[in-house]
Amino acid sequence: MDQKPLFTVNWTDFIARKDRSLKIWGNVDKTDSQVYYTCVIDQRQMVITNFDGRWVDNSGKDNELAGKLGHLLDGYEFLLDLK
């Protein structure tokens, strides 16, 4: 992606002994103005959306992970509101 990510986190998984990464980009769907986020976790990409107050994986495969990433984004928006 050409735009700068909202989040970039790199860490070392000491149990598996490997480097890990998370990057999140925010976007808006031009047809319905729905906000969605593209998340890349260790080269695996997923798109999440807050739908009716619940974070969902747009492919329907991992709503649990979408909820965790959405919670991270909710915290990020809260911190921005404090400024």
PDB file of N, CA and C in Angstrom:
ATOM      1  N   MET A   1       0.839  -1.172   0.000  1.00  0.00           N
ATOM      2  CA  MET A   1       0.000   0.000   0.000  1.00  0.00           C
ATOM      3  C   MET A   1       0.888   1.240   0.000  1.00  0.00           C
ATOM      4  N   ASP A   2       0.435   2.264  -0.690  1.00  0.00           N
ATOM      5  CA  ASP A   2       1.242   3.467  -0.819  1.00  0.00           C
ATOM      6  C   ASP A   2       1.095   4.424   0.357  1.00  0.00           C
ATOM      7  N   GLN A   3      -0.069   4.434   1.009  1.00  0.00           N
ATOM      8  CA  GLN A   3      -0.253   5.366   2.120  1.00  0.00           C
ATOM      9  C   GLN A   3       0.430   4.856   3.381  1.00  0.00           C
ATOM     10  N   LYS A   4       0.685   5.785   4.292  1.00  0.00           N
ATOM     11  CA  LYS A   4       1.344   5.448   5.550  1.00  0.00           C
ATOM     12  C   LYS A   4       0.343   4.745   6.475  1.00  0.00           C
ATOM     13  N   PRO A   5       0.740   3.646   7.125  1.00  0.00           N
ATOM     14  CA  PRO A   5      -0.184   2.945   8.026  1.00  0.00           C
ATOM     15  C   PRO A   5      -0.503   3.756   9.279  1.00  0.00           C
ATOM     16  N   LEU A   6      -1.695   3.512   9.845  1.00  0.00           N
ATOM     17  CA  LEU A   6      -2.054   4.110  11.136  1.00  0.00           C
ATOM     18  C   LEU A   6      -1.187   3.530  12.239  1.00  0.00           C
ATOM     19  N   PHE A   7      -0.954   2.226  12.166  1.00  0.00           N
ATOM     20  CA  PHE A   7      -0.146   1.500  13.154  1.00  0.00           C
ATOM     21  C   PHE A   7       0.926   0.699  12.455  1.00  0.00           C
ATOM     22  N   THR A   8       2.082   0.625  13.062  1.00  0.00           N
ATOM     23  CA  THR A   8       3.118  -0.321  12.685  1.00  0.00           C
ATOM     24  C   THR A   8       3.747  -0.808  13.975  1.00  0.00           C
ATOM     25  N   VAL A   9       3.625  -2.090  14.231  1.00  0.00           N
ATOM     26  CA  VAL A   9       4.170  -2.675  15.454  1.00  0.00           C
ATOM     27  C   VAL A   9       5.023  -3.873  15.058  1.00  0.00           C
ATOM     28  N   ASN A  10       6.243  -3.904  15.554  1.00  0.00           N
ATOM     29  CA  ASN A  10       7.138  -5.041  15.338  1.00  0.00           C
ATOM     30  C   ASN A  10       7.547  -5.581  16.705  1.00  0.00           C
ATOM     31  N   TRP A  11       7.572  -6.901  16.836  1.00  0.00           N
ATOM     32  CA  TRP A  11       7.975  -7.503  18.105  1.00  0.00           C
ATOM     33  C   TRP A  11       8.570  -8.884  17.848  1.00  0.00           C
ATOM     34  N   THR A  12       9.219  -9.406  18.862  1.00  0.00           N
ATOM     35  CA  THR A  12       9.797 -10.742  18.773  1.00  0.00           C
ATOM     36  C   THR A  12       8.979 -11.686  19.636  1.00  0.00           C
ATOM     37  N   ASP A  13       8.510 -12.762  19.033  1.00  0.00           N
ATOM     38  CA  ASP A  13       7.811 -13.815  19.756  1.00  0.00           C
ATOM     39  C   ASP A  13       8.883 -14.712  20.359  1.00  0.00           C
ATOM     40  N   PHE A  14       9.087 -14.573  21.660  1.00  0.00           N
ATOM     41  CA  PHE A  14      10.166 -15.301  22.316  1.00  0.00           C
ATOM     42  C   PHE A  14       9.869 -16.787  22.464  1.00  0.00           C
ATOM     43  N   ILE A  15       8.605 -17.172  22.413  1.00  0.00           N
ATOM     44  CA  ILE A  15       8.256 -18.593  22.501  1.00  0.00           C
ATOM     45  C   ILE A  15       8.553 -19.281  21.174  1.00  0.00           C
ATOM     46  N   ALA A  16       8.058 -18.693  20.073  1.00  0.00           N
ATOM     47  CA  ALA A  16       8.291 -19.278  18.743  1.00  0.00           C
ATOM     48  C   ALA A  16       9.636 -18.872  18.163  1.00  0.00           C
ATOM     49  N   ARG A  17      10.288 -17.904  18.820  1.00  0.00           N
ATOM     50  CA  ARG A  17      11.588 -17.401  18.371  1.00  0.00           C
ATOM     51  C   ARG A  17      11.548 -16.874  16.935  1.00  0.00           C
ATOM     52  N   LYS A  18      10.579 -15.986  16.695  1.00  0.00           N
ATOM     53  CA  LYS A  18      10.526 -15.364  15.370  1.00  0.00           C
ATOM     54  C   LYS A  18      10.033 -13.935  15.493  1.00  0.00           C
ATOM     55  N   ASP A  19      10.420 -13.119  14.525  1.00  0.00           N
ATOM     56  CA  ASP A  19       9.990 -11.730  14.479  1.00  0.00           C
ATOM     57  C   ASP A  19       8.568 -11.674  13.926  1.00  0.00           C
ATOM     58  N   ARG A  20       7.757 -10.795  14.496  1.00  0.00           N
ATOM     59  CA  ARG A  20       6.366 -10.642  14.079  1.00  0.00           C
ATOM     60  C   ARG A  20       6.108  -9.180  13.758  1.00  0.00           C
ATOM     61  N   SER A  21       5.045  -8.903  13.014  1.00  0.00           N
ATOM     62  CA  SER A  21       4.710  -7.520  12.684  1.00  0.00           C
ATOM     63  C   SER A  21       3.203  -7.362  12.477  1.00  0.00           C
ATOM     64  N   LEU A  22       2.735  -6.144  12.706  1.00  0.00           N
ATOM     65  CA  LEU A  22       1.342  -5.767  12.479  1.00  0.00           C
ATOM     66  C   LEU A  22       1.337  -4.379  11.867  1.00  0.00           C
ATOM     67  N   LYS A  23       0.596  -4.216  10.772  1.00  0.00           N
ATOM     68  CA  LYS A  23       0.395  -2.904  10.154  1.00  0.00           C
ATOM     69  C   LYS A  23      -1.095  -2.758   9.873  1.00  0.00           C
ATOM     70  N   ILE A  24      -1.628  -1.556  10.127  1.00  0.00           N
ATOM     71  CA  ILE A  24      -3.047  -1.288   9.903  1.00  0.00           C
ATOM     72  C   ILE A  24      -3.200   0.017   9.138  1.00  0.00           C
ATOM     73  N   TRP A  25      -3.994  -0.044   8.058  1.00  0.00           N
ATOM     74  CA  TRP A  25      -4.332   1.126   7.258  1.00  0.00           C
ATOM     75  C   TRP A  25      -5.829   1.364   7.361  1.00  0.00           C
ATOM     76  N   GLY A  26      -6.253   2.620   7.366  1.00  0.00           N
ATOM     77  CA  GLY A  26      -7.673   2.958   7.370  1.00  0.00           C
ATOM     78  C   GLY A  26      -8.104   3.477   6.011  1.00  0.00           C
ATOM     79  N   ASN A  27      -9.339   3.137   5.622  1.00  0.00           N
ATOM     80  CA  ASN A  27      -9.885   3.567   4.339  1.00  0.00           C
ATOM     81  C   ASN A  27     -11.392   3.771   4.464  1.00  0.00           C
ATOM     82  N   VAL A  28     -11.983   4.435   3.469  1.00  0.00           N
ATOM     83  CA  VAL A  28     -13.427   4.639   3.420  1.00  0.00           C
ATOM     84  C   VAL A  28     -13.936   4.123   2.085  1.00  0.00           C
ATOM     85  N   ASP A  29     -14.984   3.298   2.141  1.00  0.00           N
ATOM     86  CA  ASP A  29     -15.617   2.789   0.928  1.00  0.00           C
ATOM     87  C   ASP A  29     -16.353   3.943   0.247  1.00  0.00           C
ATOM     88  N   LYS A  30     -16.078   4.189  -1.014  1.00  0.00           N
ATOM     89  CA  LYS A  30     -16.650   5.328  -1.721  1.00  0.00           C
ATOM     90  C   LYS A  30     -18.130   5.159  -2.027  1.00  0.00           C
ATOM     91  N   THR A  31     -18.628   3.918  -2.035  1.00  0.00           N
ATOM     92  CA  THR A  31     -20.037   3.711  -2.376  1.00  0.00           C
ATOM     93  C   THR A  31     -20.971   3.933  -1.198  1.00  0.00           C
ATOM     94  N   ASP A  32     -20.566   3.517   0.017  1.00  0.00           N
ATOM     95  CA  ASP A  32     -21.471   3.643   1.161  1.00  0.00           C
ATOM     96  C   ASP A  32     -20.846   4.385   2.352  1.00  0.00           C
ATOM     97  N   SER A  33     -19.659   4.937   2.172  1.00  0.00           N
ATOM     98  CA  SER A  33     -18.931   5.701   3.198  1.00  0.00           C
ATOM     99  C   SER A  33     -18.609   4.885   4.446  1.00  0.00           C
ATOM    100  N   GLN A  34     -18.607   3.562   4.336  1.00  0.00           N
ATOM    101  CA  GLN A  34     -18.254   2.687   5.450  1.00  0.00           C
ATOM    102  C   GLN A  34     -16.742   2.710   5.657  1.00  0.00           C
ATOM    103  N   VAL A  35     -16.300   2.891   6.912  1.00  0.00           N
ATOM    104  CA  VAL A  35     -14.879   2.872   7.230  1.00  0.00           C
ATOM    105  C   VAL A  35     -14.439   1.420   7.375  1.00  0.00           C
ATOM    106  N   TYR A  36     -13.327   1.080   6.766  1.00  0.00           N
ATOM    107  CA  TYR A  36     -12.772  -0.255   6.916  1.00  0.00           C
ATOM    108  C   TYR A  36     -11.267  -0.144   7.099  1.00  0.00           C
ATOM    109  N   TYR A  37     -10.693  -1.190   7.657  1.00  0.00           N
ATOM    110  CA  TYR A  37      -9.271  -1.197   7.958  1.00  0.00           C
ATOM    111  C   TYR A  37      -8.633  -2.439   7.340  1.00  0.00           C
ATOM    112  N   THR A  38      -7.514  -2.224   6.672  1.00  0.00           N
ATOM    113  CA  THR A  38      -6.726  -3.328   6.145  1.00  0.00           C
ATOM    114  C   THR A  38      -5.617  -3.617   7.141  1.00  0.00           C
ATOM    115  N   CYS A  39      -5.550  -4.867   7.593  1.00  0.00           N
ATOM    116  CA  CYS A  39      -4.579  -5.287   8.597  1.00  0.00           C
ATOM    117  C   CYS A  39      -3.668  -6.339   7.985  1.00  0.00           C
ATOM    118  N   VAL A  40      -2.371  -6.163   8.169  1.00  0.00           N
ATOM    119  CA  VAL A  40      -1.401  -7.155   7.703  1.00  0.00           C
ATOM    120  C   VAL A  40      -0.641  -7.649   8.932  1.00  0.00           C
ATOM    121  N   ILE A  41      -0.806  -8.943   9.200  1.00  0.00           N
ATOM    122  CA  ILE A  41      -0.151  -9.576  10.341  1.00  0.00           C
ATOM    123  C   ILE A  41       0.760 -10.657   9.800  1.00  0.00           C
ATOM    124  N   ASP A  42       2.057 -10.444   9.923  1.00  0.00           N
ATOM    125  CA  ASP A  42       3.033 -11.426   9.435  1.00  0.00           C
ATOM    126  C   ASP A  42       2.731 -11.865   8.003  1.00  0.00           C
ATOM    127  N   GLN A  43       2.526 -10.926   7.121  1.00  0.00           N
ATOM    128  CA  GLN A  43       2.273 -11.164   5.698  1.00  0.00           C
ATOM    129  C   GLN A  43       0.867 -11.693   5.406  1.00  0.00           C
ATOM    130  N   ARG A  44       0.020 -11.875   6.432  1.00  0.00           N
ATOM    131  CA  ARG A  44      -1.366 -12.317   6.231  1.00  0.00           C
ATOM    132  C   ARG A  44      -2.267 -11.091   6.287  1.00  0.00           C
ATOM    133  N   GLN A  45      -3.082 -10.891   5.269  1.00  0.00           N
ATOM    134  CA  GLN A  45      -3.899  -9.690   5.168  1.00  0.00           C
ATOM    135  C   GLN A  45      -5.359 -10.003   5.479  1.00  0.00           C
ATOM    136  N   MET A  46      -6.003  -9.103   6.218  1.00  0.00           N
ATOM    137  CA  MET A  46      -7.443  -9.190   6.438  1.00  0.00           C
ATOM    138  C   MET A  46      -8.017  -7.785   6.481  1.00  0.00           C
ATOM    139  N   VAL A  47      -9.289  -7.657   6.121  1.00  0.00           N
ATOM    140  CA  VAL A  47      -9.984  -6.379   6.140  1.00  0.00           C
ATOM    141  C   VAL A  47     -11.081  -6.488   7.188  1.00  0.00           C
ATOM    142  N   ILE A  48     -11.130  -5.493   8.094  1.00  0.00           N
ATOM    143  CA  ILE A  48     -12.132  -5.517   9.151  1.00  0.00           C
ATOM    144  C   ILE A  48     -12.990  -4.260   9.082  1.00  0.00           C
ATOM    145  N   THR A  49     -14.225  -4.381   9.595  1.00  0.00           N
ATOM    146  CA  THR A  49     -15.189  -3.294   9.606  1.00  0.00           C
ATOM    147  C   THR A  49     -15.986  -3.372  10.900  1.00  0.00           C
ATOM    148  N   ASN A  50     -16.391  -2.217  11.406  1.00  0.00           N
ATOM    149  CA  ASN A  50     -17.302  -2.186  12.536  1.00  0.00           C
ATOM    150  C   ASN A  50     -18.713  -2.172  11.964  1.00  0.00           C
ATOM    151  N   PHE A  51     -19.424  -3.275  12.142  1.00  0.00           N
ATOM    152  CA  PHE A  51     -20.762  -3.441  11.567  1.00  0.00           C
ATOM    153  C   PHE A  51     -21.756  -3.629  12.705  1.00  0.00           C
ATOM    154  N   ASP A  52     -22.693  -2.699  12.847  1.00  0.00           N
ATOM    155  CA  ASP A  52     -23.698  -2.744  13.919  1.00  0.00           C
ATOM    156  C   ASP A  52     -23.065  -2.878  15.300  1.00  0.00           C
ATOM    157  N   GLY A  53     -21.964  -2.157  15.528  1.00  0.00           N
ATOM    158  CA  GLY A  53     -21.304  -2.158  16.822  1.00  0.00           C
ATOM    159  C   GLY A  53     -20.402  -3.353  17.086  1.00  0.00           C
ATOM    160  N   ARG A  54     -20.206  -4.198  16.088  1.00  0.00           N
ATOM    161  CA  ARG A  54     -19.365  -5.391  16.223  1.00  0.00           C
ATOM    162  C   ARG A  54     -18.290  -5.384  15.151  1.00  0.00           C
ATOM    163  N   TRP A  55     -17.058  -5.695  15.540  1.00  0.00           N
ATOM    164  CA  TRP A  55     -15.969  -5.761  14.568  1.00  0.00           C
ATOM    165  C   TRP A  55     -16.023  -7.108  13.864  1.00  0.00           C
ATOM    166  N   VAL A  56     -16.010  -7.071  12.530  1.00  0.00           N
ATOM    167  CA  VAL A  56     -16.096  -8.305  11.748  1.00  0.00           C
ATOM    168  C   VAL A  56     -14.994  -8.349  10.702  1.00  0.00           C
ATOM    169  N   ASP A  57     -14.576  -9.563  10.406  1.00  0.00           N
ATOM    170  CA  ASP A  57     -13.648  -9.837   9.312  1.00  0.00           C
ATOM    171  C   ASP A  57     -14.496  -9.867   8.041  1.00  0.00           C
ATOM    172  N   ASN A  58     -14.182  -9.016   7.069  1.00  0.00           N
ATOM    173  CA  ASN A  58     -15.000  -8.923   5.871  1.00  0.00           C
ATOM    174  C   ASN A  58     -15.068 -10.226   5.083  1.00  0.00           C
ATOM    175  N   SER A  59     -14.098 -11.116   5.265  1.00  0.00           N
ATOM    176  CA  SER A  59     -14.154 -12.405   4.575  1.00  0.00           C
ATOM    177  C   SER A  59     -14.932 -13.434   5.397  1.00  0.00           C
ATOM    178  N   GLY A  60     -15.253 -13.096   6.654  1.00  0.00           N
ATOM    179  CA  GLY A  60     -16.010 -13.997   7.510  1.00  0.00           C
ATOM    180  C   GLY A  60     -15.202 -15.125   8.126  1.00  0.00           C
ATOM    181  N   LYS A  61     -13.882 -15.073   8.004  1.00  0.00           N
ATOM    182  CA  LYS A  61     -13.050 -16.185   8.463  1.00  0.00           C
ATOM    183  C   LYS A  61     -12.621 -16.092   9.919  1.00  0.00           C
ATOM    184  N   ASP A  62     -12.335 -14.899  10.434  1.00  0.00           N
ATOM    185  CA  ASP A  62     -11.766 -14.790  11.775  1.00  0.00           C
ATOM    186  C   ASP A  62     -12.332 -13.584  12.517  1.00  0.00           C
ATOM    187  N   ASN A  63     -13.584 -13.665  12.929  1.00  0.00           N
ATOM    188  CA  ASN A  63     -14.203 -12.547  13.632  1.00  0.00           C
ATOM    189  C   ASN A  63     -13.599 -12.329  15.013  1.00  0.00           C
ATOM    190  N   GLU A  64     -13.028 -13.365  15.625  1.00  0.00           N
ATOM    191  CA  GLU A  64     -12.386 -13.198  16.935  1.00  0.00           C
ATOM    192  C   GLU A  64     -11.170 -12.284  16.820  1.00  0.00           C
ATOM    193  N   LEU A  65     -10.320 -12.526  15.821  1.00  0.00           N
ATOM    194  CA  LEU A  65      -9.158 -11.665  15.601  1.00  0.00           C
ATOM    195  C   LEU A  65      -9.612 -10.265  15.188  1.00  0.00           C
ATOM    196  N   ALA A  66     -10.655 -10.168  14.374  1.00  0.00           N
ATOM    197  CA  ALA A  66     -11.182  -8.861  13.974  1.00  0.00           C
ATOM    198  C   ALA A  66     -11.619  -8.073  15.202  1.00  0.00           C
ATOM    199  N   GLY A  67     -12.233  -8.741  16.176  1.00  0.00           N
ATOM    200  CA  GLY A  67     -12.651  -8.081  17.404  1.00  0.00           C
ATOM    201  C   GLY A  67     -11.476  -7.544  18.190  1.00  0.00           C
ATOM    202  N   LYS A  68     -10.402  -8.319  18.247  1.00  0.00           N
ATOM    203  CA  LYS A  68      -9.198  -7.878  18.977  1.00  0.00           C
ATOM    204  C   LYS A  68      -8.544  -6.683  18.288  1.00  0.00           C
ATOM    205  N   LEU A  69      -8.445  -6.750  16.964  1.00  0.00           N
ATOM    206  CA  LEU A  69      -7.862  -5.628  16.226  1.00  0.00           C
ATOM    207  C   LEU A  69      -8.758  -4.395  16.326  1.00  0.00           C
ATOM    208  N   GLY A  70     -10.072  -4.603  16.271  1.00  0.00           N
ATOM    209  CA  GLY A  70     -11.017  -3.504  16.416  1.00  0.00           C
ATOM    210  C   GLY A  70     -10.910  -2.845  17.776  1.00  0.00           C
ATOM    211  N   HIS A  71     -10.697  -3.638  18.813  1.00  0.00           N
ATOM    212  CA  HIS A  71     -10.512  -3.102  20.161  1.00  0.00           C
ATOM    213  C   HIS A  71      -9.267  -2.213  20.202  1.00  0.00           C
ATOM    214  N   LEU A  72      -8.212  -2.633  19.530  1.00  0.00           N
ATOM    215  CA  LEU A  72      -7.001  -1.819  19.423  1.00  0.00           C
ATOM    216  C   LEU A  72      -7.316  -0.490  18.731  1.00  0.00           C
ATOM    217  N   LEU A  73      -8.092  -0.544  17.655  1.00  0.00           N
ATOM    218  CA  LEU A  73      -8.465   0.679  16.934  1.00  0.00           C
ATOM    219  C   LEU A  73      -9.362   1.578  17.775  1.00  0.00           C
ATOM    220  N   ASP A  74     -10.279   0.990  18.539  1.00  0.00           N
ATOM    221  CA  ASP A  74     -11.122   1.796  19.432  1.00  0.00           C
ATOM    222  C   ASP A  74     -10.265   2.552  20.433  1.00  0.00           C
ATOM    223  N   GLY A  75      -9.241   1.896  20.975  1.00  0.00           N
ATOM    224  CA  GLY A  75      -8.330   2.549  21.911  1.00  0.00           C
ATOM    225  C   GLY A  75      -7.562   3.672  21.241  1.00  0.00           C
ATOM    226  N   TYR A  76      -7.164   3.452  19.998  1.00  0.00           N
ATOM    227  CA  TYR A  76      -6.434   4.471  19.244  1.00  0.00           C
ATOM    228  C   TYR A  76      -7.309   5.712  19.054  1.00  0.00           C
ATOM    229  N   GLU A  77      -8.580   5.508  18.679  1.00  0.00           N
ATOM    230  CA  GLU A  77      -9.478   6.641  18.481  1.00  0.00           C
ATOM    231  C   GLU A  77      -9.727   7.374  19.797  1.00  0.00           C
ATOM    232  N   PHE A  78      -9.811   6.633  20.905  1.00  0.00           N
ATOM    233  CA  PHE A  78      -9.983   7.259  22.211  1.00  0.00           C
ATOM    234  C   PHE A  78      -8.791   8.167  22.523  1.00  0.00           C
ATOM    235  N   LEU A  79      -7.586   7.686  22.250  1.00  0.00           N
ATOM    236  CA  LEU A  79      -6.384   8.490  22.522  1.00  0.00           C
ATOM    237  C   LEU A  79      -6.357   9.746  21.651  1.00  0.00           C
ATOM    238  N   LEU A  80      -6.807   9.642  20.413  1.00  0.00           N
ATOM    239  CA  LEU A  80      -6.856  10.825  19.537  1.00  0.00           C
ATOM    240  C   LEU A  80      -7.839  11.853  20.069  1.00  0.00           C
ATOM    241  N   ASP A  81      -8.959  11.391  20.649  1.00  0.00           N
ATOM    242  CA  ASP A  81      -9.955  12.305  21.189  1.00  0.00           C
ATOM    243  C   ASP A  81      -9.429  13.085  22.389  1.00  0.00           C
ATOM    244  N   LEU A  82      -8.422  12.557  23.076  1.00  0.00           N
ATOM    245  CA  LEU A  82      -7.862  13.227  24.242  1.00  0.00           C
ATOM    246  C   LEU A  82      -7.019  14.443  23.872  1.00  0.00           C
ATOM    247  N   LYS A  83      -6.566  14.513  22.646  1.00  0.00           N
ATOM    248  CA  LYS A  83      -5.709  15.631  22.243  1.00  0.00           C
ATOM    249  C   LYS A  83      -6.454  16.922  22.166  1.00  0.00           C
TER     250      LYS A  83
END
